[in-house]
């Protein structure tokens, strides 16, 4: 029986925020995979272990959840005043598909550290002790991000006492700024409205705020879906009818937002848009058993990613929450009591998260200026990942 030997590729396994993935320097990929296309996708699918009909990704680096089935490719940036180009891929678990349509705000937190440690940032811009600014060009959505990376004794500081709900152990705090976070050249509100009536045949009519900030997101009121906003993963992910309902809503929302032209296209655009449901503050017990009091938060948010309720909150969806909360009259703002401030703290299944959002009204049109949040990141492993030589 003939066999093909495995090849090995330099890679780094990193946690960023409440997600983790396999990071590559572009030049370390095989030449045929250094450009977009089938070969690149097939290679990265094999690295992660997809498609896996068992849903486990046992034969790869993926962790069988949307939060742990991710790839990142980094390279020197040709963009003026930027250090690194960052390309993100959301890898489907049971399908042969990588969605390149949006960013991941969580793994973004690890990009700056990788860039510094792999020589993508001018050493003259990194102090011996302090905070290094890493200027990131996010290629998926063509936007700027600034990561503030703590430096101790000339090296990236990864350990610390910053705690992030959804991550078991503390680490160093990384502040991440998303500049002008509306994806691409799209409008902040693609329909032109702060609130729309979204008609979903066979499901119902819903008031919805559909916003393009961080990542295109559809916000719905929890009570209109039969929920209270305190649900955990088991309450949603074990209910096939609920998941089908959310996917149908997502597809029709994508049509209204102009992201797809035919409902069938939604199946090939699983990463975007996101669907989230919101409610006013209430007491609940997080997935770790930690009690969350209503007075600790401004609102409740639950969001779905790749067809399942997320265990915490996607970083890009947090950007959407922060921007939407800062604009009077959106469903997010109304759920938070209609108050306007520099930041909002919301409750998610794993705990709470604070995100700052700034938006401006110019000639009657809203624009997102900036969103900022604190995350953490850590290198878990580095070396070579191996795949069969004929997999791409």
Protein backbone atom coordinates (compact mmCIF):
# COMPACT_ATOMS: atom_id res chain seq x y z
CA UNK A 1 0.00 0.00 0.00
CA UNK A 2 1.44 3.38 -1.02
CA UNK A 3 1.73 6.17 1.51
CA UNK A 4 2.51 9.86 1.44
CA UNK A 5 4.77 11.24 4.17
CA UNK A 6 3.62 14.07 6.37
CA UNK A 7 5.02 17.58 6.01
CA UNK A 8 5.62 19.95 8.88
CA UNK A 9 4.81 23.67 8.99
CA UNK A 10 5.89 26.19 11.60
CA UNK A 11 2.89 27.21 13.68
CA UNK A 12 1.89 28.67 17.04
CA UNK A 13 -1.14 27.61 19.05
CA UNK A 14 -2.50 30.66 20.89
CA UNK A 15 -5.39 31.68 23.07
CA UNK A 16 -6.83 35.09 22.41
CA UNK A 17 -9.66 36.25 24.67
CA UNK A 18 -12.18 33.41 25.00
CA UNK A 19 -11.03 31.73 21.77
CA UNK A 20 -7.96 29.93 20.51
CA UNK A 21 -6.54 28.96 17.16
CA UNK A 22 -3.51 28.03 15.08
CA UNK A 23 -1.39 31.01 14.00
CA UNK A 24 0.92 31.04 10.97
CA UNK A 25 3.38 33.45 9.43
CA UNK A 26 2.41 33.71 5.78
CA UNK A 27 5.94 32.90 4.58
CA UNK A 28 5.99 29.67 6.59
CA UNK A 29 3.08 28.20 4.63
CA UNK A 30 3.82 26.08 1.53
CA UNK A 31 4.13 28.38 -1.47
CA UNK A 32 0.86 27.20 -3.03
CA UNK A 33 -0.96 28.04 0.23
CA UNK A 34 0.48 31.55 0.51
CA UNK A 35 -2.32 32.82 -1.74
CA UNK A 36 -6.09 32.47 -1.29
CA UNK A 37 -7.67 29.46 -2.91
CA UNK A 38 -8.56 25.80 -2.65
CA UNK A 39 -5.06 24.64 -1.71
CA UNK A 40 -4.86 27.02 1.25
CA UNK A 41 -8.31 26.06 2.48
CA UNK A 42 -7.66 22.33 2.15
CA UNK A 43 -4.38 22.63 4.04
CA UNK A 44 -5.91 24.61 6.90
CA UNK A 45 -8.96 22.35 7.11
CA UNK A 46 -6.61 19.39 7.57
CA UNK A 47 -4.63 21.25 10.23
CA UNK A 48 -7.79 21.85 12.26
CA UNK A 49 -9.28 18.42 11.56
CA UNK A 50 -12.27 19.32 9.40
CA UNK A 51 -14.62 18.22 8.04
CA UNK A 52 -15.38 15.79 10.85
CA UNK A 53 -18.79 14.08 10.71
CA UNK A 54 -18.24 13.03 14.32
CA UNK A 55 -18.02 16.70 15.33
CA UNK A 56 -14.89 16.18 17.45
CA UNK A 57 -11.93 17.31 15.27
CA UNK A 58 -9.98 14.47 16.92
CA UNK A 59 -7.53 14.24 14.01
CA UNK A 60 -6.55 17.90 14.10
CA UNK A 61 -5.86 20.94 16.24
CA UNK A 62 -9.46 22.12 16.53
CA UNK A 63 -11.42 21.90 19.76
CA UNK A 64 -14.81 21.05 18.23
CA UNK A 65 -16.42 24.41 19.06
CA UNK A 66 -16.70 27.64 17.09
CA UNK A 67 -14.38 29.27 19.66
CA UNK A 68 -11.62 26.73 19.10
CA UNK A 69 -11.86 26.07 15.36
CA UNK A 70 -9.92 29.03 14.02
CA UNK A 71 -6.87 29.88 11.91
CA UNK A 72 -4.85 33.08 11.64
CA UNK A 73 -2.33 34.12 8.99
CA UNK A 74 -0.01 37.06 9.70
CA UNK A 75 2.50 38.92 7.55
CA UNK A 76 4.37 42.21 7.21
CA UNK A 77 1.97 45.00 6.31
CA UNK A 78 2.21 47.10 3.18
CA UNK A 79 -0.38 49.49 4.62
CA UNK A 80 0.99 52.85 5.69
CA UNK A 81 1.44 53.19 9.47
CA UNK A 82 0.65 49.53 10.13
CA UNK A 83 2.91 46.78 11.42
CA UNK A 84 1.13 43.57 10.54
CA UNK A 85 -1.55 42.22 8.20
CA UNK A 86 -3.99 39.90 9.96
CA UNK A 87 -6.22 37.42 8.13
CA UNK A 88 -8.74 35.32 10.07
CA UNK A 89 -10.49 32.10 9.07
CA UNK A 90 -13.43 30.53 10.89
CA UNK A 91 -13.25 26.81 10.22
CA UNK A 92 -16.46 24.78 10.01
CA UNK A 93 -16.40 21.61 12.09
CA UNK A 94 -18.50 19.16 10.10
CA UNK A 95 -18.21 20.80 6.68
CA UNK A 96 -15.35 21.37 4.25
CA UNK A 97 -15.55 25.12 4.57
CA UNK A 98 -13.58 28.09 5.92
CA UNK A 99 -15.43 31.38 6.27
CA UNK A 100 -13.18 34.37 5.53
CA UNK A 101 -16.03 36.91 5.64
CA UNK A 102 -15.32 38.53 9.01
CA UNK A 103 -12.95 39.07 11.90
CA UNK A 104 -12.64 37.40 15.31
CA UNK A 105 -12.28 40.00 18.03
CA UNK A 106 -11.08 37.48 20.59
CA UNK A 107 -8.12 36.03 18.71
CA UNK A 108 -7.28 39.62 17.71
CA UNK A 109 -5.92 39.96 21.25
CA UNK A 110 -3.16 37.45 20.40
CA UNK A 111 -2.12 39.08 17.12
CA UNK A 112 0.00 41.80 18.72
CA UNK A 113 2.01 39.38 20.83
CA UNK A 114 2.63 37.10 17.86
CA UNK A 115 3.70 40.06 15.73
CA UNK A 116 6.23 41.25 18.31
CA UNK A 117 7.67 37.81 18.97
CA UNK A 118 8.03 37.04 15.26
CA UNK A 119 9.78 40.29 14.33
CA UNK A 120 6.86 41.93 12.52
CA UNK A 121 7.12 45.07 14.69
CA UNK A 122 10.12 47.42 14.49
CA UNK A 123 12.21 46.76 17.59
CA UNK A 124 12.76 50.51 17.97
CA UNK A 125 9.05 50.88 18.78
CA UNK A 126 9.19 48.41 21.68
CA UNK A 127 10.38 49.72 25.03
CA UNK A 128 12.19 47.53 27.57
CA UNK A 129 9.31 48.01 30.00
CA UNK A 130 5.94 49.53 29.26
CA UNK A 131 3.25 49.05 26.64
CA UNK A 132 3.90 48.50 22.93
CA UNK A 133 1.39 49.70 20.34
CA UNK A 134 0.93 47.17 17.56
CA UNK A 135 -0.84 48.61 14.53
CA UNK A 136 -2.86 45.86 12.87
CA UNK A 137 -4.47 45.86 9.44
CA UNK A 138 -7.45 43.49 9.56
CA UNK A 139 -7.60 42.12 6.03
CA UNK A 140 -11.02 40.45 6.23
CA UNK A 141 -12.83 43.74 6.84
CA UNK A 142 -10.06 46.15 5.80
CA UNK A 143 -9.96 48.08 9.06
CA UNK A 144 -7.34 49.23 11.57
CA UNK A 145 -6.94 47.78 15.04
CA UNK A 146 -4.48 48.88 17.70
CA UNK A 147 -3.38 46.34 20.31
CA UNK A 148 -1.67 47.61 23.46
CA UNK A 149 0.74 44.85 24.51
CA UNK A 150 2.44 44.91 27.95
CA UNK A 151 6.22 44.52 27.79
CA UNK A 152 8.44 43.43 30.70
CA UNK A 153 12.22 43.20 30.42
CA UNK A 154 11.98 43.56 26.65
CA UNK A 155 9.59 40.63 26.15
CA UNK A 156 5.85 40.27 25.78
CA UNK A 157 4.26 39.87 29.21
CA UNK A 158 1.69 37.07 29.13
CA UNK A 159 1.09 36.36 32.82
CA UNK A 160 -0.70 38.72 35.18
CA UNK A 161 -3.73 39.19 37.38
CA UNK A 162 -6.29 40.32 34.80
CA UNK A 163 -9.36 38.08 34.92
CA UNK A 164 -11.62 37.55 31.93
CA UNK A 165 -14.94 35.75 32.38
CA UNK A 166 -14.92 32.70 30.14
CA UNK A 167 -11.18 32.08 30.69
CA UNK A 168 -10.15 29.96 33.68
CA UNK A 169 -6.79 31.50 34.56
CA UNK A 170 -5.70 35.16 34.90
CA UNK A 171 -3.19 36.71 32.51
CA UNK A 172 -1.81 40.08 31.42
CA UNK A 173 -4.35 42.68 30.30
CA UNK A 174 -4.33 43.65 26.63
CA UNK A 175 -6.35 46.65 25.50
CA UNK A 176 -7.65 46.41 21.95
CA UNK A 177 -8.98 49.39 19.97
CA UNK A 178 -11.14 48.78 16.92
CA UNK A 179 -10.94 51.91 14.75
CA UNK A 180 -13.91 52.78 12.51
CA UNK A 181 -15.21 49.22 13.05
CA UNK A 182 -17.97 49.10 10.41
CA UNK A 183 -16.92 46.24 8.13
CA UNK A 184 -15.53 47.35 4.77
CA UNK A 185 -17.21 50.41 3.26
CA UNK A 186 -20.66 49.34 4.43
CA UNK A 187 -23.09 51.56 6.29
CA UNK A 188 -23.31 51.20 10.04
CA UNK A 189 -27.03 50.48 9.67
CA UNK A 190 -27.37 48.76 6.27
CA UNK A 191 -31.16 49.27 6.15
CA UNK A 192 -30.86 52.90 7.22
CA UNK A 193 -32.94 52.24 10.33
CA UNK A 194 -32.06 51.88 14.01
CA UNK A 195 -34.90 49.37 14.37
CA UNK A 196 -36.53 47.31 11.61
CA UNK A 197 -39.47 44.95 11.43
CA UNK A 198 -37.86 41.72 10.27
CA UNK A 199 -40.35 39.34 8.68
CA UNK A 200 -39.27 35.71 8.84
CA UNK A 201 -41.75 33.45 7.02
CA UNK A 202 -42.79 30.47 9.10
CA UNK A 203 -41.21 31.94 12.23
CA UNK A 204 -42.67 35.39 12.90
CA UNK A 205 -42.10 39.12 12.75
CA UNK A 206 -39.46 40.64 14.99
CA UNK A 207 -38.19 44.07 15.91
CA UNK A 208 -34.51 44.01 15.09
CA UNK A 209 -31.49 46.27 15.19
CA UNK A 210 -29.19 45.23 12.36
CA UNK A 211 -25.78 46.82 12.70
CA UNK A 212 -22.49 46.51 10.88
CA UNK A 213 -19.90 47.21 13.60
CA UNK A 214 -17.10 44.80 14.45
CA UNK A 215 -19.12 42.15 12.67
CA UNK A 216 -22.58 42.34 11.09
CA UNK A 217 -25.01 41.52 13.92
CA UNK A 218 -28.76 41.11 14.24
CA UNK A 219 -30.08 42.07 17.70
CA UNK A 220 -33.50 40.83 18.82
CA UNK A 221 -35.47 41.19 22.06
CA UNK A 222 -35.27 37.99 24.09
CA UNK A 223 -38.93 38.12 25.12
CA UNK A 224 -40.08 38.13 21.48
CA UNK A 225 -38.29 34.80 21.06
CA UNK A 226 -39.69 33.26 24.23
CA UNK A 227 -36.49 33.75 26.24
CA UNK A 228 -35.49 35.93 29.19
CA UNK A 229 -31.83 36.62 28.33
CA UNK A 230 -30.33 34.56 31.18
CA UNK A 231 -30.06 31.35 29.13
CA UNK A 232 -26.90 29.24 29.11
CA UNK A 233 -25.59 27.02 26.32
CA UNK A 234 -27.56 23.96 27.38
CA UNK A 235 -30.82 25.86 27.16
CA UNK A 236 -30.33 26.62 23.46
CA UNK A 237 -27.83 24.18 21.98
CA UNK A 238 -29.81 21.13 23.03
CA UNK A 239 -32.92 22.38 21.25
CA UNK A 240 -32.82 21.60 17.50
CA UNK A 241 -36.00 23.60 16.85
CA UNK A 242 -34.51 26.69 18.50
CA UNK A 243 -31.28 26.39 16.50
CA UNK A 244 -33.25 26.02 13.26
CA UNK A 245 -35.29 29.10 14.19
CA UNK A 246 -32.17 31.17 14.81
CA UNK A 247 -30.59 30.04 11.54
CA UNK A 248 -33.72 30.98 9.62
CA UNK A 249 -33.75 34.40 11.29
CA UNK A 250 -30.06 34.80 10.50
CA UNK A 251 -30.57 34.00 6.83
CA UNK A 252 -33.44 36.48 6.42
CA UNK A 253 -31.49 39.11 8.36
CA UNK A 254 -28.52 38.60 6.06
CA UNK A 255 -30.80 39.28 3.10
CA UNK A 256 -32.13 42.49 4.67
CA UNK A 257 -28.59 43.63 5.44
CA UNK A 258 -27.52 43.07 1.84
CA UNK A 259 -24.93 40.45 2.78
CA UNK A 260 -26.44 37.79 0.53
CA UNK A 261 -28.73 37.87 -2.52
CA UNK A 262 -30.32 34.47 -2.07
CA UNK A 263 -31.29 32.69 1.16
CA UNK A 264 -29.33 29.63 0.08
CA UNK A 265 -26.11 31.67 0.26
CA UNK A 266 -26.43 31.85 4.07
CA UNK A 267 -25.20 28.26 4.36
CA UNK A 268 -21.88 29.33 2.80
CA UNK A 269 -21.60 32.41 5.02
CA UNK A 270 -21.84 30.86 8.45
CA UNK A 271 -19.55 33.28 10.29
CA UNK A 272 -21.58 36.39 9.43
CA UNK A 273 -23.95 37.85 10.36
CA UNK A 274 -24.29 36.98 14.03
CA UNK A 275 -27.63 36.74 15.82
CA UNK A 276 -27.96 37.96 19.42
CA UNK A 277 -30.87 38.38 21.80
CA UNK A 278 -30.98 40.96 24.55
CA UNK A 279 -32.89 41.84 27.70
CA UNK A 280 -32.83 44.23 30.63
CA UNK A 281 -30.56 43.32 33.57
CA UNK A 282 -31.55 40.38 35.77
CA UNK A 283 -29.87 38.13 38.32
CA UNK A 284 -28.54 34.82 37.01
CA UNK A 285 -25.92 32.14 37.62
CA UNK A 286 -23.14 31.97 35.04
CA UNK A 287 -21.91 28.72 33.48
CA UNK A 288 -19.08 28.55 36.05
CA UNK A 289 -21.54 28.85 38.94
CA UNK A 290 -20.66 32.48 39.60
CA UNK A 291 -23.68 34.59 40.58
CA UNK A 292 -24.21 37.70 38.45
CA UNK A 293 -26.33 40.43 40.05
CA UNK A 294 -28.56 42.67 37.97
CA UNK A 295 -26.94 45.78 39.45
CA UNK A 296 -23.54 44.68 38.06
CA UNK A 297 -24.64 44.99 34.44
CA UNK A 298 -26.46 47.30 32.04
CA UNK A 299 -28.13 44.56 30.00
CA UNK A 300 -28.12 40.86 29.14
CA UNK A 301 -26.83 39.56 25.81
CA UNK A 302 -26.69 36.06 24.36
CA UNK A 303 -25.19 35.49 20.92
CA UNK A 304 -24.91 32.59 18.49
CA UNK A 305 -21.80 31.73 16.51
CA UNK A 306 -21.59 29.10 13.77
CA UNK A 307 -25.09 27.92 14.62
CA UNK A 308 -24.70 27.51 18.39
CA UNK A 309 -25.01 29.73 21.45
CA UNK A 310 -21.54 31.06 22.32
CA UNK A 311 -20.13 30.16 25.72
CA UNK A 312 -19.18 33.80 26.40
CA UNK A 313 -19.19 36.59 23.81
CA UNK A 314 -17.44 36.97 20.48
CA UNK A 315 -15.13 39.98 20.57
CA UNK A 316 -16.48 41.41 17.34
CA UNK A 317 -20.05 41.02 18.60
CA UNK A 318 -18.96 42.88 21.73
CA UNK A 319 -17.88 45.73 19.44
CA UNK A 320 -21.35 45.70 17.90
CA UNK A 321 -22.88 45.78 21.40
CA UNK A 322 -20.69 48.71 22.47
CA UNK A 323 -21.46 50.77 19.38
CA UNK A 324 -25.19 49.96 19.38
CA UNK A 325 -25.45 50.80 23.08
CA UNK A 326 -23.95 54.23 22.44
CA UNK A 327 -26.63 55.16 19.89
CA UNK A 328 -30.00 56.31 21.28
CA UNK A 329 -32.96 54.30 20.05
CA UNK A 330 -31.36 50.97 19.12
CA UNK A 331 -32.73 47.85 20.80
CA UNK A 332 -29.41 47.46 22.62
CA UNK A 333 -29.55 51.01 23.93
CA UNK A 334 -33.18 50.60 25.01
CA UNK A 335 -32.42 47.31 26.81
CA UNK A 336 -29.67 49.16 28.69
CA UNK A 337 -32.22 51.71 29.91
CA UNK A 338 -31.64 54.26 27.16
CA UNK A 339 -28.65 55.79 28.90
CA UNK A 340 -25.65 57.03 26.96
CA UNK A 341 -22.12 56.66 28.26
CA UNK A 342 -18.58 55.84 27.23
CA UNK A 343 -19.01 52.14 27.93
CA UNK A 344 -21.52 49.40 28.66
CA UNK A 345 -21.23 46.28 30.82
CA UNK A 346 -23.30 43.32 29.73
CA UNK A 347 -23.95 39.85 31.09
CA UNK A 348 -23.16 36.79 28.93
CA UNK A 349 -23.28 33.06 29.71
CA UNK A 350 -19.82 33.02 31.33
CA UNK A 351 -20.07 36.29 33.24
CA UNK A 352 -19.71 39.95 32.34
CA UNK A 353 -17.77 42.11 29.91
CA UNK A 354 -17.29 45.85 29.60
CA UNK A 355 -16.82 47.45 26.19
CA UNK A 356 -16.48 51.08 25.21
CA UNK A 357 -18.13 52.42 22.08
CA UNK A 358 -18.07 55.80 20.37
CA UNK A 359 -20.35 56.80 17.50
CA UNK A 360 -21.09 60.12 15.84
CA UNK A 361 -24.12 61.49 13.99
CA UNK A 362 -23.00 63.32 10.84
CA UNK A 363 -25.59 64.88 8.54
CA UNK A 364 -28.24 62.56 9.92
CA UNK A 365 -26.15 59.40 9.46
CA UNK A 366 -24.52 57.41 12.27
CA UNK A 367 -20.85 56.45 12.01
CA UNK A 368 -18.88 54.18 14.34
CA UNK A 369 -15.70 55.88 15.49
CA UNK A 370 -14.06 53.41 17.87
CA UNK A 371 -14.65 50.53 20.24
CA UNK A 372 -12.27 49.41 22.96
CA UNK A 373 -12.15 46.44 25.30
CA UNK A 374 -9.70 44.56 27.47
CA UNK A 375 -8.78 40.95 26.68
CA UNK A 376 -5.84 38.68 27.40
CA UNK A 377 -3.80 36.23 25.35
CA UNK A 378 -1.24 33.50 25.83
CA UNK A 379 0.98 31.29 23.71
CA UNK A 380 0.00 27.70 24.41
CA UNK A 381 2.43 25.86 22.16
CA UNK A 382 4.83 26.56 19.33
CA UNK A 383 6.71 24.38 16.89
CA UNK A 384 5.49 22.47 13.82
CA UNK A 385 2.07 21.22 12.88
CA UNK A 386 2.08 18.13 10.67
CA UNK A 387 -0.32 17.19 7.87
CA UNK A 388 -0.28 14.56 5.12
CA UNK A 389 1.66 15.87 2.15
CA UNK A 390 -1.20 15.20 -0.28
CA UNK A 391 -3.96 16.97 1.65
CA UNK A 392 -3.84 20.15 -0.43
